Amino acid sequence: MRGQIIGQAVNACRELSNTPGGRMTPKLLAKAAQDAAKEANKSVGASSKLTVKVLGRKEIEKLGMGGVLGIAGGSEQEPQFIVMEYFGAAKGERPTVLVGKGVTFDSGGLNLKPGDHMYEMHMDMSGGAAVIHAVALAAKLGVKANVVGLVPAVENMPGQGAVRPGDILTSMSGKTIEVLNTDAEGRVILADGITYAKKI
């Protein structure tokens, strides 16, 4: 039974990663996290230990996540910051925190990728998908540990508000990031995710 549960989680993660970019936005990725949590909580009974909090643009701005906001600026799709919390141990026990890249489509931004290298960029949120289903799996299996999953979710597009090569973004930590290539978006959004993780 345990093996079946793990196998189902792996398949669910693959299915999420393989969803075409036109059907996967930051908001839809957040919904996928919420759906995974609902399913997990059914398997652990009425305790409902797995919770999901989704931060939208206003909350992201309030936290000062300039990396997430900068990369999301070229897309019409609103950025999301997904927080999944599973408490399978004492609340005072420090959690294991997983941070996954949630770029639902990566065009490269103004440093546009060549066509041959853009085809599979709907899978640039595979790290986020892995985090979502790893935390959900921990809940399903009743793992005796506290696990937190963080997924900064954006779409990297070359729209009017896109970050430009040479721009400087101020991250949540207060440190600045000089963007030399807009196709290096993953490390920029993950910087904000890691800073958030330090505050847990």
Protein backbone atom coordinates (compact mmCIF):
# COMPACT_ATOMS: atom_id res chain seq x y z
CA MET A 1 0.00 0.00 0.00
CA ARG A 2 2.82 2.40 0.89
CA GLY A 3 4.47 1.74 -2.48
CA GLN A 4 1.20 2.47 -4.28
CA ILE A 5 0.81 5.78 -2.46
CA ILE A 6 4.37 6.80 -3.38
CA GLY A 7 3.84 5.73 -7.00
CA GLN A 8 0.62 7.74 -7.23
CA ALA A 9 2.43 10.82 -5.90
CA VAL A 10 5.21 10.43 -8.47
CA ASN A 11 2.67 10.12 -11.29
CA ALA A 12 0.71 13.14 -10.03
CA CYS A 13 3.93 15.16 -9.98
CA ARG A 14 4.77 14.11 -13.55
CA GLU A 15 1.27 14.98 -14.74
CA LEU A 16 1.50 18.43 -13.17
CA SER A 17 4.95 19.05 -14.67
CA ASN A 18 3.78 17.98 -18.12
CA THR A 19 0.79 20.34 -18.21
CA PRO A 20 1.18 22.71 -21.21
CA GLY A 21 2.05 26.33 -20.42
CA GLY A 22 -1.26 27.58 -21.80
CA ARG A 23 -3.06 25.52 -19.17
CA MET A 24 -0.71 26.23 -16.27
CA THR A 25 -0.44 29.67 -14.66
CA PRO A 26 0.83 30.62 -11.20
CA LYS A 27 -2.78 30.68 -9.95
CA LEU A 28 -3.47 27.24 -11.42
CA LEU A 29 -0.29 25.91 -9.81
CA ALA A 30 -1.53 27.28 -6.48
CA LYS A 31 -4.86 25.54 -7.04
CA ALA A 32 -3.01 22.30 -7.76
CA ALA A 33 -1.31 22.65 -4.37
CA GLN A 34 -4.65 23.22 -2.67
CA ASP A 35 -6.16 20.20 -4.43
CA ALA A 36 -3.20 18.01 -3.44
CA ALA A 37 -3.63 19.12 0.18
CA LYS A 38 -7.36 18.32 0.16
CA GLU A 39 -6.67 14.84 -1.15
CA ALA A 40 -3.90 14.28 1.39
CA ASN A 41 -6.08 15.42 4.28
CA LYS A 42 -8.76 12.90 3.32
CA SER A 43 -6.22 10.12 3.79
CA VAL A 44 -5.07 11.32 7.20
CA GLY A 45 -8.60 11.65 8.56
CA ALA A 46 -10.24 14.57 10.32
CA SER A 47 -6.97 15.94 11.71
CA SER A 48 -6.28 17.83 8.45
CA LYS A 49 -2.65 18.44 9.26
CA LEU A 50 -1.69 19.82 5.84
CA THR A 51 -2.54 23.46 5.18
CA VAL A 52 -1.95 25.67 2.14
CA LYS A 53 -1.59 29.45 2.17
CA VAL A 54 -1.34 31.32 -1.11
CA LEU A 55 0.10 34.83 -1.18
CA GLY A 56 -0.93 37.09 -4.06
CA ARG A 57 0.70 40.20 -5.45
CA LYS A 58 -0.25 42.49 -2.53
CA GLU A 59 1.15 40.11 0.08
CA ILE A 60 4.28 39.53 -2.02
CA GLU A 61 4.79 43.30 -2.30
CA LYS A 62 4.29 43.70 1.45
CA LEU A 63 7.00 41.10 2.11
CA GLY A 64 9.38 42.92 -0.22
CA MET A 65 9.91 40.00 -2.59
CA GLY A 66 11.49 42.10 -5.33
CA GLY A 67 12.92 39.06 -7.07
CA VAL A 68 9.51 37.42 -7.56
CA LEU A 69 7.90 40.71 -8.58
CA GLY A 70 10.70 41.59 -10.99
CA ILE A 71 10.54 38.30 -12.88
CA ALA A 72 6.73 38.34 -12.95
CA GLY A 73 6.66 41.88 -14.35
CA GLY A 74 6.65 40.85 -18.02
CA SER A 75 3.56 38.65 -17.71
CA GLU A 76 -0.13 39.37 -17.34
CA GLN A 77 -0.29 36.42 -14.94
CA GLU A 78 -0.22 37.41 -11.27
CA PRO A 79 2.64 35.88 -9.25
CA GLN A 80 1.78 33.58 -6.35
CA PHE A 81 3.80 32.42 -3.38
CA ILE A 82 2.61 29.01 -2.19
CA VAL A 83 3.17 27.91 1.41
CA MET A 84 2.36 24.30 2.37
CA GLU A 85 2.71 23.27 6.02
CA TYR A 86 2.51 19.75 7.38
CA PHE A 87 2.98 19.17 11.09
CA GLY A 88 3.52 15.49 11.82
CA ALA A 89 5.73 16.12 14.86
CA ALA A 90 5.62 18.50 17.81
CA LYS A 91 4.92 22.09 16.75
CA GLY A 92 8.10 23.25 18.46
CA GLU A 93 10.26 20.95 16.32
CA ARG A 94 11.98 22.83 13.50
CA PRO A 95 10.60 21.85 10.09
CA THR A 96 12.37 20.59 7.04
CA VAL A 97 11.77 23.28 4.42
CA LEU A 98 11.61 22.48 0.71
CA VAL A 99 11.79 25.34 -1.81
CA GLY A 100 10.83 24.64 -5.42
CA LYS A 101 11.02 26.74 -8.59
CA GLY A 102 7.55 27.47 -9.94
CA VAL A 103 8.14 29.11 -13.32
CA THR A 104 4.98 28.01 -15.13
CA PHE A 105 6.45 29.04 -18.48
CA ASP A 106 9.92 30.36 -19.18
CA SER A 107 10.31 32.25 -22.45
CA GLY A 108 13.64 33.59 -21.21
CA GLY A 109 12.18 37.08 -20.79
CA LEU A 110 13.85 39.82 -22.84
CA ASN A 111 16.82 37.45 -23.27
CA LEU A 112 14.43 35.33 -25.32
CA LYS A 113 15.30 31.67 -25.70
CA PRO A 114 15.81 30.28 -29.22
CA GLY A 115 12.73 28.41 -30.42
CA ASP A 116 14.39 24.99 -30.13
CA HIS A 117 15.09 25.65 -26.45
CA MET A 118 11.64 26.95 -25.53
CA TYR A 119 9.58 23.89 -26.37
CA GLU A 120 9.77 22.21 -22.95
CA MET A 121 9.78 25.34 -20.82
CA HIS A 122 6.31 24.57 -19.47
CA MET A 123 8.26 22.13 -17.29
CA ASP A 124 10.22 24.91 -15.59
CA MET A 125 7.87 24.49 -12.65
CA SER A 126 8.89 20.86 -12.10
CA GLY A 127 10.75 21.77 -8.90
CA GLY A 128 7.58 23.38 -7.57
CA ALA A 129 5.53 20.34 -8.60
CA ALA A 130 8.00 18.08 -6.76
CA VAL A 131 7.71 20.17 -3.59
CA ILE A 132 3.89 20.21 -3.74
CA HIS A 133 3.64 16.44 -4.04
CA ALA A 134 6.48 15.72 -1.59
CA VAL A 135 4.69 17.65 1.16
CA ALA A 136 1.35 16.07 0.24
CA LEU A 137 3.02 12.65 0.31
CA ALA A 138 4.46 13.31 3.77
CA ALA A 139 0.91 13.97 4.98
CA LYS A 140 -0.51 10.90 3.24
CA LEU A 141 2.13 8.66 4.79
CA GLY A 142 1.79 10.27 8.21
CA VAL A 143 5.51 11.04 8.35
CA LYS A 144 6.50 11.97 11.90
CA ALA A 145 8.19 15.23 10.96
CA ASN A 146 7.29 18.84 10.26
CA VAL A 147 7.62 19.68 6.58
CA VAL A 148 7.10 23.06 4.89
CA GLY A 149 6.96 23.51 1.13
CA LEU A 150 7.53 26.90 -0.51
CA VAL A 151 6.90 27.58 -4.19
CA PRO A 152 7.45 31.04 -5.70
CA ALA A 153 5.30 30.86 -8.85
CA VAL A 154 5.70 33.21 -11.81
CA GLU A 155 5.59 33.28 -15.59
CA ASN A 156 8.74 34.67 -17.25
CA MET A 157 7.62 36.62 -20.33
CA PRO A 158 8.98 39.55 -22.39
CA GLY A 159 6.00 41.87 -21.81
CA GLN A 160 6.01 45.61 -21.31
CA GLY A 161 6.92 45.42 -17.62
CA ALA A 162 9.63 42.78 -18.04
CA VAL A 163 12.86 43.08 -16.09
CA ARG A 164 15.70 44.34 -18.32
CA PRO A 165 19.31 43.17 -18.48
CA GLY A 166 21.18 45.50 -16.14
CA ASP A 167 18.21 46.11 -13.84
CA ILE A 168 18.74 45.84 -10.10
CA LEU A 169 16.11 44.15 -7.95
CA THR A 170 15.91 44.35 -4.16
CA SER A 171 15.17 40.92 -2.74
CA MET A 172 13.26 40.09 0.42
CA SER A 173 16.54 39.85 2.33
CA GLY A 174 17.35 43.46 1.43
CA LYS A 175 20.23 42.36 -0.77
CA THR A 176 20.22 43.58 -4.35
CA ILE A 177 20.39 41.41 -7.45
CA GLU A 178 21.84 42.72 -10.71
CA VAL A 179 20.07 40.97 -13.56
CA LEU A 180 22.61 40.37 -16.32
CA ASN A 181 20.45 37.87 -18.17
CA THR A 182 16.67 37.64 -17.75
CA ASP A 183 16.82 33.90 -18.44
CA ALA A 184 18.42 33.41 -15.03
CA GLU A 185 15.01 33.87 -13.43
CA GLY A 186 15.03 30.75 -11.28
CA ARG A 187 17.79 31.78 -8.90
CA VAL A 188 16.18 35.24 -8.57
CA ILE A 189 12.80 33.96 -7.37
CA LEU A 190 14.39 31.23 -5.25
CA ALA A 191 16.39 33.88 -3.40
CA ASP A 192 13.12 35.26 -2.04
CA GLY A 193 11.90 31.73 -1.29
CA ILE A 194 15.01 30.91 0.73
CA THR A 195 14.76 34.20 2.67
CA TYR A 196 11.14 33.37 3.54
CA ALA A 197 12.28 29.89 4.66
CA LYS A 198 14.74 31.43 7.13
CA LYS A 199 11.88 33.21 8.88
CA ILE A 200 9.93 29.99 9.56
